PDB file of N, CA and C in Angstrom:
ATOM      1  N   MET A   1       1.092  -9.624   7.611  1.00  0.00           N
ATOM      2  CA  MET A   1      -0.170  -8.836   6.958  1.00  0.00           C
ATOM      3  C   MET A   1      -1.217  -8.447   8.205  1.00  0.00           C
ATOM      4  N   GLY A   2      -1.008  -7.432   8.996  1.00  0.00           N
ATOM      5  CA  GLY A   2      -1.641  -6.698  10.085  1.00  0.00           C
ATOM      6  C   GLY A   2      -2.013  -7.532  10.731  1.00  0.00           C
ATOM      7  N   ARG A   3      -0.907  -8.670  11.409  1.00  0.00           N
ATOM      8  CA  ARG A   3      -0.794  -9.088  12.467  1.00  0.00           C
ATOM      9  C   ARG A   3      -0.502  -8.078  13.813  1.00  0.00           C
ATOM     10  N   PRO A   4      -1.104  -8.746  14.878  1.00  0.00           N
ATOM     11  CA  PRO A   4      -1.030  -7.500  16.003  1.00  0.00           C
ATOM     12  C   PRO A   4       0.397  -7.983  16.270  1.00  0.00           C
ATOM     13  N   THR A   5       1.394  -6.730  16.924  1.00  0.00           N
ATOM     14  CA  THR A   5       2.537  -7.228  17.092  1.00  0.00           C
ATOM     15  C   THR A   5       2.934  -7.861  18.393  1.00  0.00           C
ATOM     16  N   VAL A   6       1.837  -8.546  19.094  1.00  0.00           N
ATOM     17  CA  VAL A   6       2.241  -9.404  20.158  1.00  0.00           C
ATOM     18  C   VAL A   6       2.274 -10.750  19.699  1.00  0.00           C
ATOM     19  N   ILE A   7       1.926 -11.074  18.412  1.00  0.00           N
ATOM     20  CA  ILE A   7       2.332 -12.089  17.687  1.00  0.00           C
ATOM     21  C   ILE A   7       3.687 -12.232  17.250  1.00  0.00           C
ATOM     22  N   PRO A   8       4.462 -13.054  17.393  1.00  0.00           N
ATOM     23  CA  PRO A   8       5.815 -13.120  17.104  1.00  0.00           C
ATOM     24  C   PRO A   8       5.767 -13.443  15.290  1.00  0.00           C
ATOM     25  N   CYS A   9       6.588 -13.337  14.593  1.00  0.00           N
ATOM     26  CA  CYS A   9       6.600 -13.105  13.038  1.00  0.00           C
ATOM     27  C   CYS A   9       6.994 -14.796  12.697  1.00  0.00           C
ATOM     28  N   ASP A  10       7.957 -15.335  13.595  1.00  0.00           N
ATOM     29  CA  ASP A  10       8.224 -16.803  13.502  1.00  0.00           C
ATOM     30  C   ASP A  10       6.906 -17.703  13.656  1.00  0.00           C
ATOM     31  N   SER A  11       5.670 -17.080  14.548  1.00  0.00           N
ATOM     32  CA  SER A  11       4.753 -18.104  14.397  1.00  0.00           C
ATOM     33  C   SER A  11       3.583 -17.911  13.609  1.00  0.00           C
ATOM     34  N   ILE A  12       4.227 -16.699  12.653  1.00  0.00           N
ATOM     35  CA  ILE A  12       2.830 -17.071  11.075  1.00  0.00           C
ATOM     36  C   ILE A  12       3.392 -17.738  10.328  1.00  0.00           C
ATOM     37  N   ASN A  13       2.649 -18.032   9.592  1.00  0.00           N
ATOM     38  CA  ASN A  13       2.839 -18.957   8.486  1.00  0.00           C
ATOM     39  C   ASN A  13       1.885 -18.879   7.192  1.00  0.00           C
ATOM     40  N   ALA A  14       1.548 -17.289   6.895  1.00  0.00           N
ATOM     41  CA  ALA A  14       0.923 -17.039   6.006  1.00  0.00           C
ATOM     42  C   ALA A  14       1.314 -16.162   5.010  1.00  0.00           C
ATOM     43  N   GLN A  15       1.278 -16.731   3.561  1.00  0.00           N
ATOM     44  CA  GLN A  15       2.177 -16.264   2.270  1.00  0.00           C
ATOM     45  C   GLN A  15       1.412 -15.201   1.841  1.00  0.00           C
ATOM     46  N   ARG A  16       2.071 -13.883   1.503  1.00  0.00           N
ATOM     47  CA  ARG A  16       1.503 -12.967   1.036  1.00  0.00           C
ATOM     48  C   ARG A  16       0.783 -13.168  -0.444  1.00  0.00           C
ATOM     49  N   PRO A  17      -0.353 -12.622  -1.047  1.00  0.00           N
ATOM     50  CA  PRO A  17      -0.756 -13.084  -2.022  1.00  0.00           C
ATOM     51  C   PRO A  17       0.132 -12.570  -3.540  1.00  0.00           C
ATOM     52  N   PRO A  18      -0.243 -13.143  -4.322  1.00  0.00           N
ATOM     53  CA  PRO A  18       0.929 -12.800  -5.376  1.00  0.00           C
ATOM     54  C   PRO A  18       0.339 -11.542  -6.025  1.00  0.00           C
ATOM     55  N   ILE A  19       1.226 -10.959  -6.750  1.00  0.00           N
ATOM     56  CA  ILE A  19       0.965  -9.555  -7.587  1.00  0.00           C
ATOM     57  C   ILE A  19      -0.064  -9.679  -8.787  1.00  0.00           C
ATOM     58  N   ASP A  20      -0.992  -9.279  -8.843  1.00  0.00           N
ATOM     59  CA  ASP A  20      -1.758  -9.518 -10.277  1.00  0.00           C
ATOM     60  C   ASP A  20      -1.563  -8.252 -11.179  1.00  0.00           C
ATOM     61  N   VAL A  21      -0.854  -8.799 -11.936  1.00  0.00           N
ATOM     62  CA  VAL A  21      -0.474  -7.729 -12.990  1.00  0.00           C
ATOM     63  C   VAL A  21      -1.591  -6.780 -13.971  1.00  0.00           C
ATOM     64  N   GLU A  22      -3.026  -7.754 -14.005  1.00  0.00           N
ATOM     65  CA  GLU A  22      -3.689  -6.637 -14.247  1.00  0.00           C
ATOM     66  C   GLU A  22      -4.545  -5.695 -13.303  1.00  0.00           C
ATOM     67  N   LYS A  23      -4.505  -5.795 -12.018  1.00  0.00           N
ATOM     68  CA  LYS A  23      -4.671  -4.963 -10.991  1.00  0.00           C
ATOM     69  C   LYS A  23      -3.754  -3.954 -10.734  1.00  0.00           C
ATOM     70  N   GLU A  24      -2.538  -4.337 -11.281  1.00  0.00           N
ATOM     71  CA  GLU A  24      -1.446  -3.402 -11.116  1.00  0.00           C
ATOM     72  C   GLU A  24      -1.226  -2.013 -12.139  1.00  0.00           C
ATOM     73  N   ALA A  25      -2.269  -2.819 -13.340  1.00  0.00           N
ATOM     74  CA  ALA A  25      -2.648  -1.741 -14.396  1.00  0.00           C
ATOM     75  C   ALA A  25      -3.389  -0.966 -14.424  1.00  0.00           C
ATOM     76  N   GLU A  26      -4.437  -0.963 -13.394  1.00  0.00           N
ATOM     77  CA  GLU A  26      -5.850  -0.817 -13.512  1.00  0.00           C
ATOM     78  C   GLU A  26      -5.503   1.158 -13.195  1.00  0.00           C
ATOM     79  N   PRO A  27      -6.370   1.730 -14.064  1.00  0.00           N
ATOM     80  CA  PRO A  27      -6.188   3.236 -13.696  1.00  0.00           C
ATOM     81  C   PRO A  27      -6.751   3.827 -12.536  1.00  0.00           C
ATOM     82  N   TRP A  28      -5.720   4.680 -12.155  1.00  0.00           N
ATOM     83  CA  TRP A  28      -6.302   5.675 -10.598  1.00  0.00           C
ATOM     84  C   TRP A  28      -6.144   7.050 -11.372  1.00  0.00           C
ATOM     85  N   VAL A  29      -7.129   7.409 -10.857  1.00  0.00           N
ATOM     86  CA  VAL A  29      -7.510   8.908 -10.941  1.00  0.00           C
ATOM     87  C   VAL A  29      -7.203   9.566  -9.469  1.00  0.00           C
ATOM     88  N   PRO A  30      -6.424  10.507  -9.834  1.00  0.00           N
ATOM     89  CA  PRO A  30      -6.217  11.135  -8.692  1.00  0.00           C
ATOM     90  C   PRO A  30      -7.427  12.346  -8.185  1.00  0.00           C
ATOM     91  N   TYR A  31      -7.558  12.145  -6.619  1.00  0.00           N
ATOM     92  CA  TYR A  31      -8.815  12.887  -6.065  1.00  0.00           C
ATOM     93  C   TYR A  31      -8.181  14.275  -6.237  1.00  0.00           C
ATOM     94  N   TYR A  32      -8.649  15.340  -6.518  1.00  0.00           N
ATOM     95  CA  TYR A  32      -8.489  16.632  -6.388  1.00  0.00           C
ATOM     96  C   TYR A  32      -9.491  17.517  -6.201  1.00  0.00           C
ATOM     97  N   ASN A  33      -9.466  19.023  -5.706  1.00  0.00           N
ATOM     98  CA  ASN A  33     -10.682  19.643  -5.108  1.00  0.00           C
ATOM     99  C   ASN A  33     -10.956  20.451  -6.231  1.00  0.00           C
ATOM    100  N   PRO A  34     -11.849  20.472  -7.034  1.00  0.00           N
ATOM    101  CA  PRO A  34     -12.207  21.194  -7.889  1.00  0.00           C
ATOM    102  C   PRO A  34     -12.620  22.635  -8.183  1.00  0.00           C
ATOM    103  N   ASN A  35     -12.833  23.077  -6.500  1.00  0.00           N
ATOM    104  CA  ASN A  35     -12.943  24.506  -6.200  1.00  0.00           C
ATOM    105  C   ASN A  35     -11.656  25.198  -5.867  1.00  0.00           C
ATOM    106  N   ASP A  36     -10.549  24.396  -5.605  1.00  0.00           N
ATOM    107  CA  ASP A  36      -9.201  24.759  -5.735  1.00  0.00           C
ATOM    108  C   ASP A  36      -8.918  25.625  -6.733  1.00  0.00           C
ATOM    109  N   PRO A  37      -8.330  27.049  -6.629  1.00  0.00           N
ATOM    110  CA  PRO A  37      -8.178  27.918  -7.334  1.00  0.00           C
ATOM    111  C   PRO A  37      -6.384  27.267  -8.046  1.00  0.00           C
ATOM    112  N   ASN A  38      -6.126  26.656  -7.373  1.00  0.00           N
ATOM    113  CA  ASN A  38      -4.679  26.528  -7.903  1.00  0.00           C
ATOM    114  C   ASN A  38      -4.827  24.986  -8.882  1.00  0.00           C
ATOM    115  N   THR A  39      -5.579  24.438  -8.792  1.00  0.00           N
ATOM    116  CA  THR A  39      -6.078  23.151 -10.013  1.00  0.00           C
ATOM    117  C   THR A  39      -7.236  23.617 -10.700  1.00  0.00           C
ATOM    118  N   ILE A  40      -7.816  24.822 -10.900  1.00  0.00           N
ATOM    119  CA  ILE A  40      -8.643  24.928 -11.924  1.00  0.00           C
ATOM    120  C   ILE A  40      -8.306  24.519 -13.312  1.00  0.00           C
ATOM    121  N   ASP A  41      -6.953  25.177 -13.831  1.00  0.00           N
ATOM    122  CA  ASP A  41      -6.366  24.786 -15.103  1.00  0.00           C
ATOM    123  C   ASP A  41      -5.737  23.849 -15.485  1.00  0.00           C
ATOM    124  N   LYS A  42      -5.262  22.796 -14.251  1.00  0.00           N
ATOM    125  CA  LYS A  42      -4.932  22.034 -14.534  1.00  0.00           C
ATOM    126  C   LYS A  42      -5.271  20.435 -14.773  1.00  0.00           C
ATOM    127  N   THR A  43      -5.292  19.569 -15.879  1.00  0.00           N
ATOM    128  CA  THR A  43      -5.189  18.080 -15.375  1.00  0.00           C
ATOM    129  C   THR A  43      -4.761  16.987 -15.109  1.00  0.00           C
ATOM    130  N   PHE A  44      -5.461  16.002 -14.592  1.00  0.00           N
ATOM    131  CA  PHE A  44      -4.954  14.948 -13.924  1.00  0.00           C
ATOM    132  C   PHE A  44      -4.939  13.905 -14.742  1.00  0.00           C
ATOM    133  N   PRO A  45      -4.165  13.574 -15.522  1.00  0.00           N
ATOM    134  CA  PRO A  45      -3.984  12.014 -16.309  1.00  0.00           C
ATOM    135  C   PRO A  45      -4.273  11.003 -15.421  1.00  0.00           C
ATOM    136  N   ASP A  46      -4.767   9.666 -15.969  1.00  0.00           N
ATOM    137  CA  ASP A  46      -4.877   8.551 -15.007  1.00  0.00           C
ATOM    138  C   ASP A  46      -3.373   7.888 -15.420  1.00  0.00           C
ATOM    139  N   ARG A  47      -3.222   7.518 -13.861  1.00  0.00           N
ATOM    140  CA  ARG A  47      -1.905   6.684 -13.572  1.00  0.00           C
ATOM    141  C   ARG A  47      -2.534   5.381 -13.361  1.00  0.00           C
ATOM    142  N   PRO A  48      -1.036   4.342 -13.193  1.00  0.00           N
ATOM    143  CA  PRO A  48      -1.372   2.685 -12.959  1.00  0.00           C
ATOM    144  C   PRO A  48      -1.522   3.019 -11.411  1.00  0.00           C
ATOM    145  N   SER A  49      -2.576   1.855 -10.697  1.00  0.00           N
ATOM    146  CA  SER A  49      -2.537   2.231  -9.706  1.00  0.00           C
ATOM    147  C   SER A  49      -1.556   1.579  -8.666  1.00  0.00           C
ATOM    148  N   HIS A  50      -0.598   0.128  -9.115  1.00  0.00           N
ATOM    149  CA  HIS A  50       0.129  -0.307  -8.510  1.00  0.00           C
ATOM    150  C   HIS A  50      -0.378  -0.731  -7.201  1.00  0.00           C
ATOM    151  N   LEU A  51      -1.800  -1.280  -6.979  1.00  0.00           N
ATOM    152  CA  LEU A  51      -2.485  -1.613  -5.732  1.00  0.00           C
ATOM    153  C   LEU A  51      -1.739  -2.821  -5.014  1.00  0.00           C
ATOM    154  N   CYS A  52      -1.567  -3.763  -5.906  1.00  0.00           N
ATOM    155  CA  CYS A  52      -0.885  -4.834  -4.881  1.00  0.00           C
ATOM    156  C   CYS A  52       0.143  -4.635  -4.789  1.00  0.00           C
ATOM    157  N   THR A  53       1.162  -3.771  -5.329  1.00  0.00           N
ATOM    158  CA  THR A  53       2.605  -3.740  -4.798  1.00  0.00           C
ATOM    159  C   THR A  53       2.925  -2.357  -3.841  1.00  0.00           C
ATOM    160  N   VAL A  54       1.986  -1.737  -3.923  1.00  0.00           N
ATOM    161  CA  VAL A  54       1.662  -0.693  -2.742  1.00  0.00           C
ATOM    162  C   VAL A  54       1.263  -1.625  -1.097  1.00  0.00           C
ATOM    163  N   PHE A  55       0.165  -2.916  -1.228  1.00  0.00           N
ATOM    164  CA  PHE A  55      -0.233  -3.802  -0.560  1.00  0.00           C
ATOM    165  C   PHE A  55       0.803  -4.209   0.355  1.00  0.00           C
ATOM    166  N   GLU A  56       1.687  -4.835  -0.648  1.00  0.00           N
ATOM    167  CA  GLU A  56       2.922  -5.580  -0.243  1.00  0.00           C
ATOM    168  C   GLU A  56       3.897  -4.615   0.297  1.00  0.00           C
ATOM    169  N   ARG A  57       4.234  -3.522   0.284  1.00  0.00           N
ATOM    170  CA  ARG A  57       4.916  -2.710   0.738  1.00  0.00           C
ATOM    171  C   ARG A  57       4.399  -2.040   2.316  1.00  0.00           C
ATOM    172  N   ILE A  58       3.424  -2.306   2.547  1.00  0.00           N
ATOM    173  CA  ILE A  58       2.857  -1.969   3.409  1.00  0.00           C
ATOM    174  C   ILE A  58       3.294  -3.079   4.365  1.00  0.00           C
ATOM    175  N   CYS A  59       2.563  -4.168   4.075  1.00  0.00           N
ATOM    176  CA  CYS A  59       2.873  -5.345   4.816  1.00  0.00           C
ATOM    177  C   CYS A  59       4.569  -5.218   5.572  1.00  0.00           C
ATOM    178  N   THR A  60       5.739  -5.041   4.083  1.00  0.00           N
ATOM    179  CA  THR A  60       7.028  -5.298   4.678  1.00  0.00           C
ATOM    180  C   THR A  60       7.267  -4.302   5.769  1.00  0.00           C
ATOM    181  N   ILE A  61       6.990  -3.177   5.438  1.00  0.00           N
ATOM    182  CA  ILE A  61       6.997  -1.980   6.740  1.00  0.00           C
ATOM    183  C   ILE A  61       6.216  -2.359   8.148  1.00  0.00           C
ATOM    184  N   THR A  62       5.296  -2.845   7.667  1.00  0.00           N
ATOM    185  CA  THR A  62       4.546  -3.458   9.063  1.00  0.00           C
ATOM    186  C   THR A  62       5.901  -4.469  10.061  1.00  0.00           C
ATOM    187  N   GLU A  63       5.887  -5.630   8.814  1.00  0.00           N
ATOM    188  CA  GLU A  63       6.802  -6.555   9.736  1.00  0.00           C
ATOM    189  C   GLU A  63       8.000  -5.954  10.029  1.00  0.00           C
ATOM    190  N   VAL A  64       8.628  -5.161   9.511  1.00  0.00           N
ATOM    191  CA  VAL A  64      10.100  -4.267   9.930  1.00  0.00           C
ATOM    192  C   VAL A  64       9.629  -3.748  11.207  1.00  0.00           C
ATOM    193  N   LEU A  65       8.331  -3.060  11.349  1.00  0.00           N
ATOM    194  CA  LEU A  65       7.986  -2.456  12.637  1.00  0.00           C
ATOM    195  C   LEU A  65       7.879  -3.104  13.849  1.00  0.00           C
ATOM    196  N   GLY A  66       6.937  -4.262  13.376  1.00  0.00           N
ATOM    197  CA  GLY A  66       7.198  -5.321  14.679  1.00  0.00           C
ATOM    198  C   GLY A  66       8.045  -5.487  14.986  1.00  0.00           C
ATOM    199  N   SER A  67       9.142  -6.392  14.276  1.00  0.00           N
ATOM    200  CA  SER A  67      10.344  -6.455  14.444  1.00  0.00           C
ATOM    201  C   SER A  67      11.213  -5.808  15.501  1.00  0.00           C
ATOM    202  N   VAL A  68      11.149  -4.097  14.890  1.00  0.00           N
ATOM    203  CA  VAL A  68      11.708  -3.237  15.804  1.00  0.00           C
ATOM    204  C   VAL A  68      11.017  -2.877  17.261  1.00  0.00           C
ATOM    205  N   MET A  69       9.891  -3.072  17.243  1.00  0.00           N
ATOM    206  CA  MET A  69       9.232  -3.126  18.725  1.00  0.00           C
ATOM    207  C   MET A  69       9.254  -4.159  19.614  1.00  0.00           C
ATOM    208  N   ALA A  70       9.330  -5.362  18.825  1.00  0.00           N
ATOM    209  CA  ALA A  70      10.009  -6.683  19.558  1.00  0.00           C
ATOM    210  C   ALA A  70      10.732  -6.668  20.140  1.00  0.00           C
ATOM    211  N   SER A  71      11.866  -6.073  19.519  1.00  0.00           N
ATOM    212  CA  SER A  71      13.406  -6.194  20.167  1.00  0.00           C
ATOM    213  C   SER A  71      13.350  -4.799  21.236  1.00  0.00           C
ATOM    214  N   LEU A  72      12.719  -4.241  21.378  1.00  0.00           N
ATOM    215  CA  LEU A  72      12.792  -2.969  22.469  1.00  0.00           C
ATOM    216  C   LEU A  72      12.264  -3.389  23.698  1.00  0.00           C
TER     217      LEU A  72
END
């Protein structure tokens, strides 16, 4: 989770935080420019945030990229 690529993944013994179901369901309101003529008549409903899932996926991508960089 955010470790520098100079530290090998085998040297890290940190666990990922568990996915919190309540935080996953928190509403997320998309940002839009109210002055944009393309969005004047449109509504943007709230969506579940999936905050923990997104964080976990970013950690996974970071680990994969770190492994690729270390193998070069």
